[in-house]
Amino acid sequence: MRKLYLHPQAALQMSQHCTLTKYINMKEFPDISYFAGALYGIEDADKIEVISTFQLAIKNDNGKIVVNRAAYEELDKYELDIHKSEKALGFYWIGNIPDKELDLITAELNIFYPVLCRIKFTGEDEHPIKLFAQEDQKWKECKYSYRTENPEHICISELQSGGDVKKSIEFTISAYKELERNLDLIECHLQKIKNKEVEFDEDFVRKANEIGIWFRNTYETDADISSIEEANLGLLSGQLTQLTFLAMKMIKPFSKPVPRGESSQFL
């Protein structure tokens, strides 16, 4: 059996997803039957390391499992563009799913990539993360180690893709600047909605709120977790481009942003 490692970035991403489930009405998402996501990381002959995740759209259509291929392929390309050394390793789910349905999900995802591990995230127990791997063709819960995430993960990925140190630093600086610009755009548009200058866009406001929940969950948590402080910088580095990507996807052309300090409090 290979050694199994879990990075703080992946753990906190799953925790974030778990928090978001409390605000989601599944009736509004008929094409999603489960709170689940893909696991990405590194594997070789000696170990499997789960480093990052993203959410999957999986539907149970009268017993037939359907994965939204277009959504998966777009996020897979984005993930691999950012982290060249990583690959899909398996999937996670939140809450309880019957073993039979887990096997059906596994079989469907095996069409996209080999499922090497599965994670159940409860968010309730003293040990909220349970990692499973196959042994003798059966899924068994396995022990794993919690590996500290390097804050420079995103820069290392850039180096692995053929960049150099200077370009890696410039890349990260550009990402921060782009994030700030997009947050200004979001604040500006929400101010216009509040002032009734533009039509109310439910989807835009919902997605903006998701970003606000992310920040509150990450930076204002009361959880007594000793690893949070050391993981925050690594998490922010890894999540930065994902958050920017979400902002860019939901931005529509509008006028010059309201200067910082003059915009409204909207979340």
Protein backbone atom coordinates (compact mmCIF):
# COMPACT_ATOMS: atom_id res chain seq x y z
CA MET A 1 0.00 0.00 0.00
CA ARG A 2 1.37 3.40 -0.99
CA LYS A 3 1.70 6.19 1.56
CA LEU A 4 -1.14 8.71 1.48
CA TYR A 5 -0.76 12.44 2.10
CA LEU A 6 -3.31 15.25 2.38
CA HIS A 7 -2.31 18.90 1.95
CA PRO A 8 -3.96 21.77 3.90
CA GLN A 9 -5.09 23.42 0.66
CA ALA A 10 -7.25 20.43 -0.27
CA ALA A 11 -8.62 20.10 3.28
CA LEU A 12 -9.60 23.76 3.45
CA GLN A 13 -11.13 23.71 -0.04
CA MET A 14 -13.36 20.81 1.02
CA SER A 15 -14.20 22.65 4.24
CA GLN A 16 -15.15 25.70 2.17
CA HIS A 17 -17.41 23.55 -0.02
CA CYS A 18 -18.99 22.05 3.11
CA THR A 19 -19.73 25.55 4.44
CA LEU A 20 -21.28 26.61 1.12
CA THR A 21 -23.68 23.64 1.20
CA LYS A 22 -25.46 25.30 4.12
CA TYR A 23 -26.45 28.16 1.82
CA ILE A 24 -27.44 26.10 -1.23
CA ASN A 25 -30.97 25.02 -2.10
CA MET A 26 -30.58 21.86 -4.16
CA LYS A 27 -33.94 22.47 -5.84
CA GLU A 28 -32.31 25.38 -7.65
CA PHE A 29 -29.72 23.01 -9.15
CA PRO A 30 -31.61 20.14 -10.83
CA ASP A 31 -28.45 18.91 -12.58
CA ILE A 32 -26.60 18.33 -9.30
CA SER A 33 -27.50 15.43 -7.00
CA TYR A 34 -24.44 15.35 -4.78
CA PHE A 35 -22.05 17.73 -3.06
CA ALA A 36 -18.86 16.31 -4.52
CA GLY A 37 -15.62 17.26 -6.21
CA ALA A 38 -12.47 16.05 -7.92
CA LEU A 39 -9.19 15.42 -6.12
CA TYR A 40 -5.93 16.51 -7.75
CA GLY A 41 -2.34 15.94 -6.76
CA ILE A 42 0.72 13.81 -7.36
CA GLU A 43 1.18 10.05 -7.44
CA ASP A 44 4.11 7.76 -8.00
CA ALA A 45 5.15 4.23 -7.03
CA ASP A 46 5.58 5.20 -3.37
CA LYS A 47 2.89 7.71 -2.55
CA ILE A 48 -0.33 9.55 -3.39
CA GLU A 49 -0.56 13.23 -2.42
CA VAL A 50 -3.91 15.03 -2.56
CA ILE A 51 -3.09 18.72 -3.05
CA SER A 52 -6.12 20.51 -4.48
CA THR A 53 -9.78 20.05 -5.41
CA PHE A 54 -12.61 21.51 -7.46
CA GLN A 55 -16.34 20.91 -7.40
CA LEU A 56 -18.02 18.47 -9.78
CA ALA A 57 -21.53 18.57 -11.22
CA ILE A 58 -22.82 15.00 -10.82
CA LYS A 59 -26.44 14.00 -11.37
CA ASN A 60 -28.24 10.80 -10.46
CA ASP A 61 -30.75 10.39 -13.29
CA ASN A 62 -32.98 7.55 -12.12
CA GLY A 63 -30.02 5.43 -11.08
CA LYS A 64 -27.72 6.50 -13.93
CA ILE A 65 -24.79 8.68 -12.88
CA VAL A 66 -24.09 11.58 -15.25
CA VAL A 67 -21.05 13.86 -14.92
CA ASN A 68 -21.25 17.25 -16.61
CA ARG A 69 -18.47 16.65 -19.12
CA ALA A 70 -18.20 20.23 -20.39
CA ALA A 71 -17.85 21.66 -16.87
CA TYR A 72 -15.33 19.00 -15.89
CA GLU A 73 -13.16 19.44 -18.98
CA GLU A 74 -13.06 23.23 -18.53
CA LEU A 75 -12.04 23.00 -14.87
CA ASP A 76 -9.60 20.17 -15.57
CA LYS A 77 -7.85 22.25 -18.22
CA TYR A 78 -7.74 25.23 -15.87
CA GLU A 79 -6.33 23.13 -13.02
CA LEU A 80 -3.61 21.57 -15.18
CA ASP A 81 -2.69 24.92 -16.72
CA ILE A 82 -1.98 26.23 -13.22
CA HIS A 83 -0.41 23.12 -11.68
CA LYS A 84 1.51 21.29 -14.37
CA SER A 85 2.74 18.51 -12.11
CA GLU A 86 -0.70 17.49 -10.81
CA LYS A 87 -3.24 15.01 -12.15
CA ALA A 88 -6.72 13.80 -11.25
CA LEU A 89 -6.58 11.23 -8.43
CA GLY A 90 -10.14 10.60 -7.32
CA PHE A 91 -13.12 12.37 -5.79
CA TYR A 92 -14.57 13.55 -2.49
CA TRP A 93 -18.11 13.86 -1.24
CA ILE A 94 -19.81 15.72 1.61
CA GLY A 95 -22.28 13.99 3.89
CA ASN A 96 -23.60 10.48 3.40
CA ILE A 97 -23.89 8.66 0.07
CA PRO A 98 -24.79 4.93 -0.10
CA ASP A 99 -21.91 2.63 -1.05
CA LYS A 100 -23.75 1.47 -4.17
CA GLU A 101 -24.02 5.05 -5.46
CA LEU A 102 -20.38 5.72 -4.58
CA ASP A 103 -19.41 2.75 -6.73
CA LEU A 104 -21.55 4.09 -9.59
CA ILE A 105 -19.88 7.51 -9.28
CA THR A 106 -16.48 5.81 -9.24
CA ALA A 107 -17.30 3.83 -12.37
CA GLU A 108 -18.47 6.96 -14.21
CA LEU A 109 -15.43 9.01 -13.19
CA ASN A 110 -13.15 6.15 -14.27
CA ILE A 111 -14.17 7.13 -17.81
CA PHE A 112 -12.45 10.48 -17.26
CA TYR A 113 -9.49 9.33 -15.14
CA PRO A 114 -8.46 6.40 -12.89
CA VAL A 115 -9.99 6.84 -9.45
CA LEU A 116 -7.15 6.03 -7.04
CA CYS A 117 -8.64 7.40 -3.83
CA ARG A 118 -11.89 8.68 -2.35
CA ILE A 119 -12.48 11.10 0.52
CA LYS A 120 -15.54 11.48 2.71
CA PHE A 121 -15.81 14.93 4.30
CA THR A 122 -18.26 15.11 7.20
CA GLY A 123 -17.25 18.41 8.82
CA GLU A 124 -18.79 17.17 12.07
CA ASP A 125 -16.59 14.56 13.69
CA GLU A 126 -13.34 15.10 15.52
CA HIS A 127 -11.68 13.73 12.38
CA PRO A 128 -13.88 15.09 9.59
CA ILE A 129 -11.83 13.66 6.70
CA LYS A 130 -11.80 9.95 5.91
CA LEU A 131 -9.62 8.76 3.06
CA PHE A 132 -10.26 5.51 1.22
CA ALA A 133 -8.07 3.54 -1.20
CA GLN A 134 -8.53 0.23 -2.94
CA GLU A 135 -7.02 -2.89 -1.47
CA ASP A 136 -7.85 -6.34 -2.88
CA GLN A 137 -10.50 -4.66 -5.07
CA LYS A 138 -12.28 -3.26 -2.03
CA TRP A 139 -12.42 0.32 -0.79
CA LYS A 140 -10.94 0.54 2.69
CA GLU A 141 -10.38 3.47 5.01
CA CYS A 142 -6.66 4.24 5.22
CA LYS A 143 -4.36 6.21 7.45
CA TYR A 144 -2.84 9.31 5.94
CA SER A 145 -0.41 12.04 6.88
CA TYR A 146 -1.18 15.75 6.89
CA ARG A 147 1.53 17.37 4.82
CA THR A 148 2.30 21.08 5.23
CA GLU A 149 1.57 23.04 2.09
CA ASN A 150 4.35 25.19 0.70
CA PRO A 151 3.25 28.82 0.31
CA GLU A 152 5.29 28.88 -2.88
CA HIS A 153 3.22 26.07 -4.47
CA ILE A 154 1.89 28.25 -7.24
CA CYS A 155 5.40 29.52 -8.04
CA ILE A 156 6.81 26.00 -8.02
CA SER A 157 4.11 25.00 -10.51
CA GLU A 158 5.11 27.89 -12.71
CA LEU A 159 8.73 26.80 -12.58
CA GLN A 160 7.75 23.26 -13.50
CA SER A 161 5.95 24.60 -16.54
CA GLY A 162 9.18 26.12 -17.84
CA GLY A 163 9.26 29.51 -16.13
CA ASP A 164 11.92 31.01 -13.92
CA VAL A 165 11.95 32.61 -10.48
CA LYS A 166 11.53 36.16 -11.78
CA LYS A 167 8.59 35.17 -14.00
CA SER A 168 7.01 33.26 -11.10
CA ILE A 169 7.14 36.34 -8.86
CA GLU A 170 5.78 38.54 -11.65
CA PHE A 171 3.00 35.99 -12.25
CA THR A 172 1.94 36.07 -8.58
CA ILE A 173 2.03 39.88 -8.42
CA SER A 174 -0.10 40.07 -11.56
CA ALA A 175 -2.58 37.63 -10.04
CA TYR A 176 -2.96 39.79 -6.93
CA LYS A 177 -3.45 42.92 -9.03
CA GLU A 178 -6.02 41.17 -11.21
CA LEU A 179 -7.92 39.95 -8.14
CA GLU A 180 -8.05 43.48 -6.69
CA ARG A 181 -9.27 44.85 -10.03
CA ASN A 182 -12.03 42.26 -10.24
CA LEU A 183 -13.16 42.88 -6.66
CA ASP A 184 -13.44 46.58 -7.53
CA LEU A 185 -15.58 45.68 -10.53
CA ILE A 186 -17.85 43.48 -8.42
CA GLU A 187 -18.26 46.18 -5.75
CA CYS A 188 -19.05 48.74 -8.43
CA HIS A 189 -21.69 46.60 -10.08
CA LEU A 190 -23.34 45.72 -6.75
CA GLN A 191 -23.43 49.44 -5.89
CA LYS A 192 -25.25 50.05 -9.17
CA ILE A 193 -27.74 47.27 -8.36
CA LYS A 194 -28.34 48.83 -4.91
CA ASN A 195 -28.93 52.24 -6.52
CA LYS A 196 -31.23 50.63 -9.12
CA GLU A 197 -29.02 51.91 -11.92
CA VAL A 198 -28.91 48.44 -13.49
CA GLU A 199 -31.31 45.50 -13.46
CA PHE A 200 -31.10 43.10 -10.51
CA ASP A 201 -29.10 40.03 -11.56
CA GLU A 202 -29.83 37.15 -9.16
CA ASP A 203 -27.05 34.93 -10.51
CA PHE A 204 -24.45 37.70 -10.23
CA VAL A 205 -25.44 38.56 -6.65
CA ARG A 206 -25.45 34.89 -5.62
CA LYS A 207 -21.96 34.32 -7.01
CA ALA A 208 -20.68 37.54 -5.41
CA ASN A 209 -22.06 36.31 -2.09
CA GLU A 210 -20.20 33.02 -2.54
CA ILE A 211 -16.96 34.99 -2.77
CA GLY A 212 -17.89 36.87 0.41
CA ILE A 213 -18.62 33.58 2.20
CA TRP A 214 -15.21 32.29 1.08
CA PHE A 215 -13.42 35.24 2.67
CA ARG A 216 -15.44 35.06 5.88
CA ASN A 217 -14.94 31.30 6.17
CA THR A 218 -11.20 31.56 5.55
CA TYR A 219 -10.28 34.64 7.57
CA GLU A 220 -12.95 34.94 10.27
CA THR A 221 -13.29 31.32 11.38
CA ASP A 222 -13.52 30.65 15.12
CA ALA A 223 -12.27 27.09 14.68
CA ASP A 224 -9.39 26.14 16.95
CA ILE A 225 -7.23 24.47 14.33
CA SER A 226 -3.52 24.87 14.89
CA SER A 227 -2.63 24.32 11.23
CA ILE A 228 -4.88 27.11 9.92
CA GLU A 229 -2.29 29.87 10.30
CA GLU A 230 0.48 28.00 8.51
CA ALA A 231 -1.91 26.86 5.80
CA ASN A 232 -3.58 30.21 5.07
CA LEU A 233 -0.82 31.57 2.87
CA GLY A 234 -0.57 28.33 0.93
CA LEU A 235 -4.35 28.23 0.54
CA LEU A 236 -4.52 31.82 -0.68
CA SER A 237 -1.77 31.19 -3.22
CA GLY A 238 -3.48 28.09 -4.53
CA GLN A 239 -6.98 29.60 -4.51
CA LEU A 240 -6.05 33.03 -5.83
CA THR A 241 -6.30 32.28 -9.52
CA GLN A 242 -9.43 30.17 -8.99
CA LEU A 243 -11.19 33.09 -7.27
CA THR A 244 -10.02 35.47 -9.99
CA PHE A 245 -11.31 33.05 -12.61
CA LEU A 246 -14.74 33.00 -10.93
CA ALA A 247 -14.82 36.80 -10.80
CA MET A 248 -13.89 37.12 -14.47
CA LYS A 249 -16.58 34.60 -15.47
CA MET A 250 -19.34 36.63 -13.88
CA ILE A 251 -18.22 40.15 -14.80
CA LYS A 252 -20.20 41.99 -17.47
CA PRO A 253 -18.96 45.21 -19.12
CA PHE A 254 -19.80 48.26 -17.08
CA SER A 255 -18.37 51.61 -16.15
CA LYS A 256 -15.26 52.54 -14.19
CA PRO A 257 -15.10 51.00 -10.68
CA VAL A 258 -15.96 53.01 -7.60
CA PRO A 259 -12.68 53.93 -5.83
CA ARG A 260 -11.88 51.84 -2.77
CA GLY A 261 -13.27 53.39 0.41
CA GLU A 262 -16.35 54.76 -1.39
CA SER A 263 -18.13 51.52 -2.24
CA SER A 264 -20.95 50.04 -0.20
CA GLN A 265 -20.81 47.12 2.21
CA PHE A 266 -22.74 44.42 0.41
CA LEU A 267 -21.93 41.08 2.03
